[in-house]
């Protein structure tokens, strides 16, 4: 079992490095970076030229928890809430265009839900 987990992790690392060779965020278009764990999803806007995180949020933040409300929700619903909150925070800081960095994950499921919600929230990528 451990061998397959290591192979999956190393495959994601190879994909992440390949994506990062192409995707880089600057002052005019920061990079929207996505990281997920089994329970949570994290997203941040990064200016790679200055090495600064401009905006960040996750399923652990209070803004996302208030967006979800109480009750049962799926991880995909939580990802949508993260995308909406991130878009709202970015627009408040005057950021409208970003470059999407899927972090080596497939553009499917929770990663796709976060991206679609960020687009609906007003971000362009």
N, C-alpha and C. Protein backbone atom coordinates (compact mmCIF):
# COMPACT_ATOMS: atom_id res chain seq x y z
N UNK A 1 0.82 -1.19 0.00
CA UNK A 1 0.00 0.00 0.00
C UNK A 1 0.86 1.26 0.00
N UNK A 2 1.94 1.24 0.77
CA UNK A 2 2.80 2.41 0.86
C UNK A 2 3.46 2.74 -0.47
N UNK A 3 3.81 1.74 -1.25
CA UNK A 3 4.47 1.98 -2.53
C UNK A 3 3.56 2.75 -3.47
N UNK A 4 2.28 2.43 -3.49
CA UNK A 4 1.37 3.13 -4.39
C UNK A 4 1.16 4.58 -3.96
N UNK A 5 1.15 4.82 -2.64
CA UNK A 5 1.01 6.20 -2.15
C UNK A 5 2.23 7.03 -2.54
N UNK A 6 3.42 6.44 -2.40
CA UNK A 6 4.64 7.15 -2.77
C UNK A 6 4.68 7.44 -4.27
N UNK A 7 4.22 6.50 -5.06
CA UNK A 7 4.19 6.69 -6.52
C UNK A 7 3.21 7.79 -6.89
N UNK A 8 2.07 7.83 -6.23
CA UNK A 8 1.07 8.86 -6.51
C UNK A 8 1.62 10.23 -6.13
N UNK A 9 2.27 10.30 -4.97
CA UNK A 9 2.82 11.57 -4.50
C UNK A 9 3.94 12.06 -5.42
N UNK A 10 4.81 11.13 -5.85
CA UNK A 10 5.90 11.56 -6.73
C UNK A 10 5.36 11.96 -8.10
N UNK A 11 4.31 11.34 -8.56
CA UNK A 11 3.69 11.74 -9.82
C UNK A 11 3.11 13.13 -9.73
N UNK A 12 2.47 13.46 -8.61
CA UNK A 12 1.92 14.79 -8.43
C UNK A 12 3.04 15.82 -8.36
N UNK A 13 4.14 15.47 -7.71
CA UNK A 13 5.28 16.38 -7.64
C UNK A 13 5.86 16.65 -9.02
N UNK A 14 5.95 15.63 -9.86
CA UNK A 14 6.45 15.82 -11.24
C UNK A 14 5.52 16.74 -12.02
N UNK A 15 4.21 16.52 -11.89
CA UNK A 15 3.25 17.39 -12.59
C UNK A 15 3.31 18.81 -12.06
N UNK A 16 3.45 18.98 -10.74
CA UNK A 16 3.53 20.31 -10.15
C UNK A 16 4.73 21.07 -10.68
N UNK A 17 5.88 20.41 -10.75
CA UNK A 17 7.08 21.07 -11.26
C UNK A 17 6.94 21.43 -12.73
N UNK A 18 6.30 20.57 -13.50
CA UNK A 18 6.10 20.85 -14.92
C UNK A 18 5.18 22.05 -15.11
N UNK A 19 4.12 22.14 -14.31
CA UNK A 19 3.20 23.27 -14.40
C UNK A 19 3.90 24.55 -13.98
N UNK A 20 4.72 24.49 -12.91
CA UNK A 20 5.38 25.69 -12.40
C UNK A 20 6.44 26.24 -13.34
N UNK A 21 6.94 25.42 -14.27
CA UNK A 21 7.87 25.93 -15.27
C UNK A 21 7.19 26.91 -16.19
N UNK A 22 5.89 26.74 -16.39
CA UNK A 22 5.14 27.57 -17.31
C UNK A 22 4.38 28.68 -16.59
N UNK A 23 3.76 28.35 -15.46
CA UNK A 23 2.89 29.29 -14.76
C UNK A 23 3.68 30.04 -13.71
N UNK A 24 3.70 31.37 -13.86
CA UNK A 24 4.36 32.22 -12.89
C UNK A 24 3.51 33.47 -12.72
N UNK A 25 3.34 33.92 -11.49
CA UNK A 25 2.52 35.09 -11.23
C UNK A 25 3.37 36.32 -11.06
N UNK A 26 2.91 37.41 -11.65
CA UNK A 26 3.61 38.68 -11.51
C UNK A 26 2.72 39.69 -10.83
N UNK A 27 3.15 40.94 -10.83
CA UNK A 27 2.38 41.99 -10.19
C UNK A 27 1.05 42.24 -10.86
N UNK A 28 1.02 42.11 -12.20
CA UNK A 28 -0.23 42.36 -12.92
C UNK A 28 -1.17 41.15 -12.88
N UNK A 29 -0.63 39.95 -12.85
CA UNK A 29 -1.45 38.72 -12.80
C UNK A 29 -0.84 37.75 -11.79
N UNK A 30 -1.30 37.78 -10.55
CA UNK A 30 -0.75 36.84 -9.57
C UNK A 30 -1.18 35.41 -9.87
N UNK A 31 -0.49 34.48 -9.25
CA UNK A 31 -0.75 33.06 -9.45
C UNK A 31 -1.75 32.59 -8.40
N UNK A 32 -2.84 31.95 -8.84
CA UNK A 32 -3.81 31.35 -7.93
C UNK A 32 -3.37 29.91 -7.71
N UNK A 33 -2.78 29.65 -6.56
CA UNK A 33 -2.24 28.33 -6.24
C UNK A 33 -3.24 27.56 -5.38
N UNK A 34 -3.43 26.27 -5.71
CA UNK A 34 -4.39 25.42 -5.00
C UNK A 34 -3.63 24.26 -4.36
N UNK A 35 -3.97 23.99 -3.10
CA UNK A 35 -3.45 22.82 -2.41
C UNK A 35 -4.61 22.16 -1.69
N UNK A 36 -4.66 20.85 -1.73
CA UNK A 36 -5.75 20.16 -1.04
C UNK A 36 -5.20 19.01 -0.22
N UNK A 37 -5.91 18.73 0.86
CA UNK A 37 -5.63 17.56 1.68
C UNK A 37 -6.89 16.70 1.66
N UNK A 38 -6.92 15.69 2.46
CA UNK A 38 -8.10 14.82 2.46
C UNK A 38 -9.34 15.56 2.93
N UNK A 39 -9.20 16.46 3.90
CA UNK A 39 -10.35 17.16 4.46
C UNK A 39 -10.51 18.59 3.98
N UNK A 40 -9.43 19.27 3.70
CA UNK A 40 -9.47 20.71 3.46
C UNK A 40 -8.88 21.07 2.10
N UNK A 41 -9.20 22.30 1.66
CA UNK A 41 -8.61 22.84 0.44
C UNK A 41 -8.15 24.26 0.75
N UNK A 42 -7.02 24.61 0.21
CA UNK A 42 -6.39 25.90 0.46
C UNK A 42 -6.14 26.59 -0.88
N UNK A 43 -6.28 27.90 -0.91
CA UNK A 43 -6.01 28.66 -2.14
C UNK A 43 -5.35 29.98 -1.75
N UNK A 44 -4.41 30.41 -2.58
CA UNK A 44 -3.75 31.68 -2.31
C UNK A 44 -3.34 32.34 -3.61
N UNK A 45 -3.30 33.65 -3.59
CA UNK A 45 -2.81 34.44 -4.72
C UNK A 45 -1.40 34.88 -4.37
N UNK A 46 -0.44 34.56 -5.26
CA UNK A 46 0.97 34.78 -4.99
C UNK A 46 1.58 35.65 -6.07
N UNK A 47 2.32 36.67 -5.64
CA UNK A 47 3.12 37.48 -6.56
C UNK A 47 4.52 36.88 -6.53
N UNK A 48 4.89 36.11 -7.54
CA UNK A 48 6.18 35.42 -7.57
C UNK A 48 7.36 36.37 -7.75
N UNK A 49 7.14 37.51 -8.37
CA UNK A 49 8.23 38.46 -8.57
C UNK A 49 8.72 39.02 -7.24
N UNK A 50 7.79 39.32 -6.34
CA UNK A 50 8.15 39.86 -5.02
C UNK A 50 8.23 38.77 -3.96
N UNK A 51 7.69 37.58 -4.26
CA UNK A 51 7.69 36.50 -3.28
C UNK A 51 6.73 36.74 -2.14
N UNK A 52 5.54 37.27 -2.48
CA UNK A 52 4.57 37.67 -1.46
C UNK A 52 3.23 37.00 -1.73
N UNK A 53 2.59 36.54 -0.66
CA UNK A 53 1.22 36.05 -0.76
C UNK A 53 0.29 37.24 -0.58
N UNK A 54 -0.56 37.48 -1.56
CA UNK A 54 -1.44 38.65 -1.54
C UNK A 54 -2.75 38.36 -0.82
N UNK A 55 -3.35 37.21 -1.12
CA UNK A 55 -4.63 36.81 -0.54
C UNK A 55 -4.58 35.31 -0.30
N UNK A 56 -5.15 34.87 0.80
CA UNK A 56 -5.22 33.44 1.05
C UNK A 56 -6.49 33.10 1.80
N UNK A 57 -6.98 31.90 1.58
CA UNK A 57 -8.14 31.41 2.31
C UNK A 57 -8.17 29.89 2.22
N UNK A 58 -8.95 29.28 3.07
CA UNK A 58 -9.09 27.83 3.08
C UNK A 58 -10.41 27.47 3.74
N UNK A 59 -10.69 26.19 3.79
CA UNK A 59 -11.90 25.75 4.45
C UNK A 59 -11.83 25.96 5.95
N UNK A 60 -10.67 26.30 6.47
CA UNK A 60 -10.51 26.54 7.89
C UNK A 60 -10.78 28.00 8.27
N UNK A 61 -10.89 28.90 7.31
CA UNK A 61 -11.07 30.32 7.62
C UNK A 61 -12.52 30.60 8.02
N UNK A 62 -12.68 31.63 8.82
CA UNK A 62 -14.00 31.99 9.33
C UNK A 62 -14.94 32.47 8.21
N UNK A 63 -14.39 33.16 7.21
CA UNK A 63 -15.22 33.66 6.11
C UNK A 63 -15.85 32.50 5.33
N UNK A 64 -15.07 31.45 5.12
CA UNK A 64 -15.59 30.29 4.39
C UNK A 64 -16.60 29.54 5.25
N UNK A 65 -16.31 29.42 6.53
CA UNK A 65 -17.25 28.72 7.43
C UNK A 65 -18.59 29.45 7.48
N UNK A 66 -18.56 30.78 7.49
CA UNK A 66 -19.82 31.52 7.50
C UNK A 66 -20.54 31.41 6.16
N UNK A 67 -19.79 31.30 5.07
CA UNK A 67 -20.39 31.11 3.74
C UNK A 67 -21.11 29.76 3.67
N UNK A 68 -20.50 28.73 4.26
CA UNK A 68 -21.09 27.39 4.23
C UNK A 68 -22.27 27.27 5.20
N UNK A 69 -22.21 27.98 6.31
CA UNK A 69 -23.25 27.86 7.31
C UNK A 69 -23.14 26.55 8.06
N UNK A 70 -24.10 26.30 8.90
CA UNK A 70 -24.11 25.06 9.67
C UNK A 70 -24.79 23.97 8.86
N UNK A 71 -24.47 22.74 9.17
CA UNK A 71 -25.10 21.63 8.48
C UNK A 71 -24.10 20.83 7.68
N UNK A 72 -24.62 19.82 7.04
CA UNK A 72 -23.76 18.94 6.25
C UNK A 72 -23.50 19.56 4.89
N UNK A 73 -22.29 19.49 4.46
CA UNK A 73 -21.91 19.93 3.13
C UNK A 73 -20.80 19.02 2.62
N UNK A 74 -20.74 18.90 1.31
CA UNK A 74 -19.71 18.06 0.72
C UNK A 74 -18.41 18.83 0.60
N UNK A 75 -17.33 18.11 0.31
CA UNK A 75 -16.03 18.77 0.12
C UNK A 75 -16.06 19.64 -1.14
N UNK A 76 -16.86 19.24 -2.12
CA UNK A 76 -16.99 20.05 -3.33
C UNK A 76 -17.69 21.36 -3.02
N UNK A 77 -18.73 21.32 -2.19
CA UNK A 77 -19.40 22.55 -1.78
C UNK A 77 -18.45 23.46 -1.02
N UNK A 78 -17.61 22.87 -0.17
CA UNK A 78 -16.63 23.66 0.56
C UNK A 78 -15.63 24.31 -0.39
N UNK A 79 -15.24 23.58 -1.45
CA UNK A 79 -14.32 24.14 -2.44
C UNK A 79 -14.94 25.31 -3.18
N UNK A 80 -16.22 25.19 -3.49
CA UNK A 80 -16.93 26.31 -4.13
C UNK A 80 -16.94 27.54 -3.23
N UNK A 81 -17.16 27.32 -1.95
CA UNK A 81 -17.18 28.44 -1.00
C UNK A 81 -15.80 29.09 -0.92
N UNK A 82 -14.74 28.29 -0.94
CA UNK A 82 -13.38 28.85 -0.92
C UNK A 82 -13.15 29.70 -2.17
N UNK A 83 -13.59 29.22 -3.33
CA UNK A 83 -13.43 29.98 -4.57
C UNK A 83 -14.18 31.31 -4.53
N UNK A 84 -15.40 31.30 -4.01
CA UNK A 84 -16.19 32.54 -3.91
C UNK A 84 -15.52 33.54 -2.98
N UNK A 85 -15.10 33.07 -1.81
CA UNK A 85 -14.49 33.97 -0.83
C UNK A 85 -13.17 34.51 -1.36
N UNK A 86 -12.38 33.67 -2.01
CA UNK A 86 -11.11 34.12 -2.57
C UNK A 86 -11.34 35.19 -3.64
N UNK A 87 -12.32 34.99 -4.50
CA UNK A 87 -12.62 35.97 -5.54
C UNK A 87 -13.05 37.29 -4.92
N UNK A 88 -13.89 37.22 -3.89
CA UNK A 88 -14.35 38.45 -3.23
C UNK A 88 -13.18 39.19 -2.58
N UNK A 89 -12.29 38.46 -1.92
CA UNK A 89 -11.13 39.09 -1.27
C UNK A 89 -10.18 39.69 -2.31
N UNK A 90 -10.01 39.00 -3.45
CA UNK A 90 -9.13 39.50 -4.50
C UNK A 90 -9.68 40.78 -5.12
N UNK A 91 -10.98 40.80 -5.38
CA UNK A 91 -11.59 41.99 -5.97
C UNK A 91 -11.52 43.18 -5.02
N UNK A 92 -11.60 42.92 -3.71
CA UNK A 92 -11.45 44.01 -2.74
C UNK A 92 -10.05 44.61 -2.79
N UNK A 93 -9.05 43.79 -3.12
CA UNK A 93 -7.67 44.28 -3.24
C UNK A 93 -7.35 44.79 -4.63
N UNK A 94 -8.33 44.76 -5.54
CA UNK A 94 -8.13 45.28 -6.89
C UNK A 94 -7.52 44.28 -7.85
N UNK A 95 -7.56 43.01 -7.52
CA UNK A 95 -7.01 41.96 -8.39
C UNK A 95 -8.16 41.33 -9.16
N UNK A 96 -8.07 41.39 -10.48
CA UNK A 96 -9.14 40.85 -11.32
C UNK A 96 -8.65 39.70 -12.19
N UNK A 97 -7.40 39.74 -12.63
CA UNK A 97 -6.85 38.70 -13.50
C UNK A 97 -5.79 37.90 -12.75
N UNK A 98 -5.87 36.58 -12.90
CA UNK A 98 -4.91 35.68 -12.24
C UNK A 98 -4.49 34.58 -13.21
N UNK A 99 -3.42 33.89 -12.84
CA UNK A 99 -3.00 32.69 -13.55
C UNK A 99 -3.30 31.52 -12.63
N UNK A 100 -3.93 30.47 -13.16
CA UNK A 100 -4.36 29.34 -12.33
C UNK A 100 -3.27 28.28 -12.27
N UNK A 101 -2.88 27.91 -11.06
CA UNK A 101 -1.89 26.87 -10.82
C UNK A 101 -2.60 25.74 -10.07
N UNK A 102 -2.85 24.65 -10.75
CA UNK A 102 -3.60 23.54 -10.15
C UNK A 102 -2.74 22.69 -9.24
N UNK A 103 -1.46 22.98 -9.13
CA UNK A 103 -0.59 22.33 -8.18
C UNK A 103 -0.34 20.86 -8.45
N UNK A 104 -0.43 20.43 -9.68
CA UNK A 104 -0.18 19.04 -10.01
C UNK A 104 -1.41 18.15 -9.88
N UNK A 105 -2.51 18.71 -9.36
CA UNK A 105 -3.74 17.94 -9.24
C UNK A 105 -4.47 17.97 -10.58
N UNK A 106 -5.28 16.96 -10.83
CA UNK A 106 -6.10 16.96 -12.02
C UNK A 106 -7.14 18.06 -11.94
N UNK A 107 -7.46 18.69 -13.06
CA UNK A 107 -8.49 19.71 -13.09
C UNK A 107 -9.83 18.99 -13.11
N UNK A 108 -10.23 18.53 -11.92
CA UNK A 108 -11.43 17.72 -11.79
C UNK A 108 -11.88 17.78 -10.34
N UNK A 109 -13.14 17.65 -10.10
CA UNK A 109 -13.65 17.57 -8.73
C UNK A 109 -13.50 18.85 -7.97
N UNK A 110 -12.82 18.78 -6.81
CA UNK A 110 -12.72 19.94 -5.93
C UNK A 110 -11.91 21.07 -6.52
N UNK A 111 -10.85 20.74 -7.26
CA UNK A 111 -10.02 21.78 -7.89
C UNK A 111 -10.83 22.51 -8.95
N UNK A 112 -11.57 21.77 -9.74
CA UNK A 112 -12.42 22.38 -10.77
C UNK A 112 -13.52 23.23 -10.14
N UNK A 113 -14.12 22.75 -9.05
CA UNK A 113 -15.19 23.49 -8.38
C UNK A 113 -14.66 24.82 -7.83
N UNK A 114 -13.47 24.81 -7.26
CA UNK A 114 -12.87 26.05 -6.76
C UNK A 114 -12.63 27.02 -7.91
N UNK A 115 -12.09 26.53 -9.02
CA UNK A 115 -11.80 27.40 -10.17
C UNK A 115 -13.08 27.99 -10.75
N UNK A 116 -14.11 27.19 -10.90
CA UNK A 116 -15.38 27.69 -11.46
C UNK A 116 -16.00 28.73 -10.55
N UNK A 117 -15.96 28.50 -9.23
CA UNK A 117 -16.54 29.47 -8.29
C UNK A 117 -15.74 30.77 -8.31
N UNK A 118 -14.41 30.69 -8.47
CA UNK A 118 -13.60 31.91 -8.54
C UNK A 118 -13.94 32.68 -9.82
N UNK A 119 -14.16 31.97 -10.91
CA UNK A 119 -14.57 32.64 -12.16
C UNK A 119 -15.93 33.32 -11.99
N UNK A 120 -16.86 32.60 -11.38
CA UNK A 120 -18.20 33.19 -11.16
C UNK A 120 -18.12 34.37 -10.22
N UNK A 121 -17.15 34.37 -9.32
CA UNK A 121 -16.97 35.47 -8.39
C UNK A 121 -16.34 36.71 -9.02
N UNK A 122 -15.84 36.58 -10.25
CA UNK A 122 -15.32 37.75 -10.95
C UNK A 122 -13.86 37.68 -11.35
N UNK A 123 -13.14 36.62 -10.98
CA UNK A 123 -11.75 36.50 -11.40
C UNK A 123 -11.68 36.02 -12.85
N UNK A 124 -10.69 36.47 -13.57
CA UNK A 124 -10.49 36.09 -14.96
C UNK A 124 -9.20 35.29 -15.09
N UNK A 125 -9.30 34.07 -15.65
CA UNK A 125 -8.13 33.26 -15.96
C UNK A 125 -8.48 32.22 -16.97
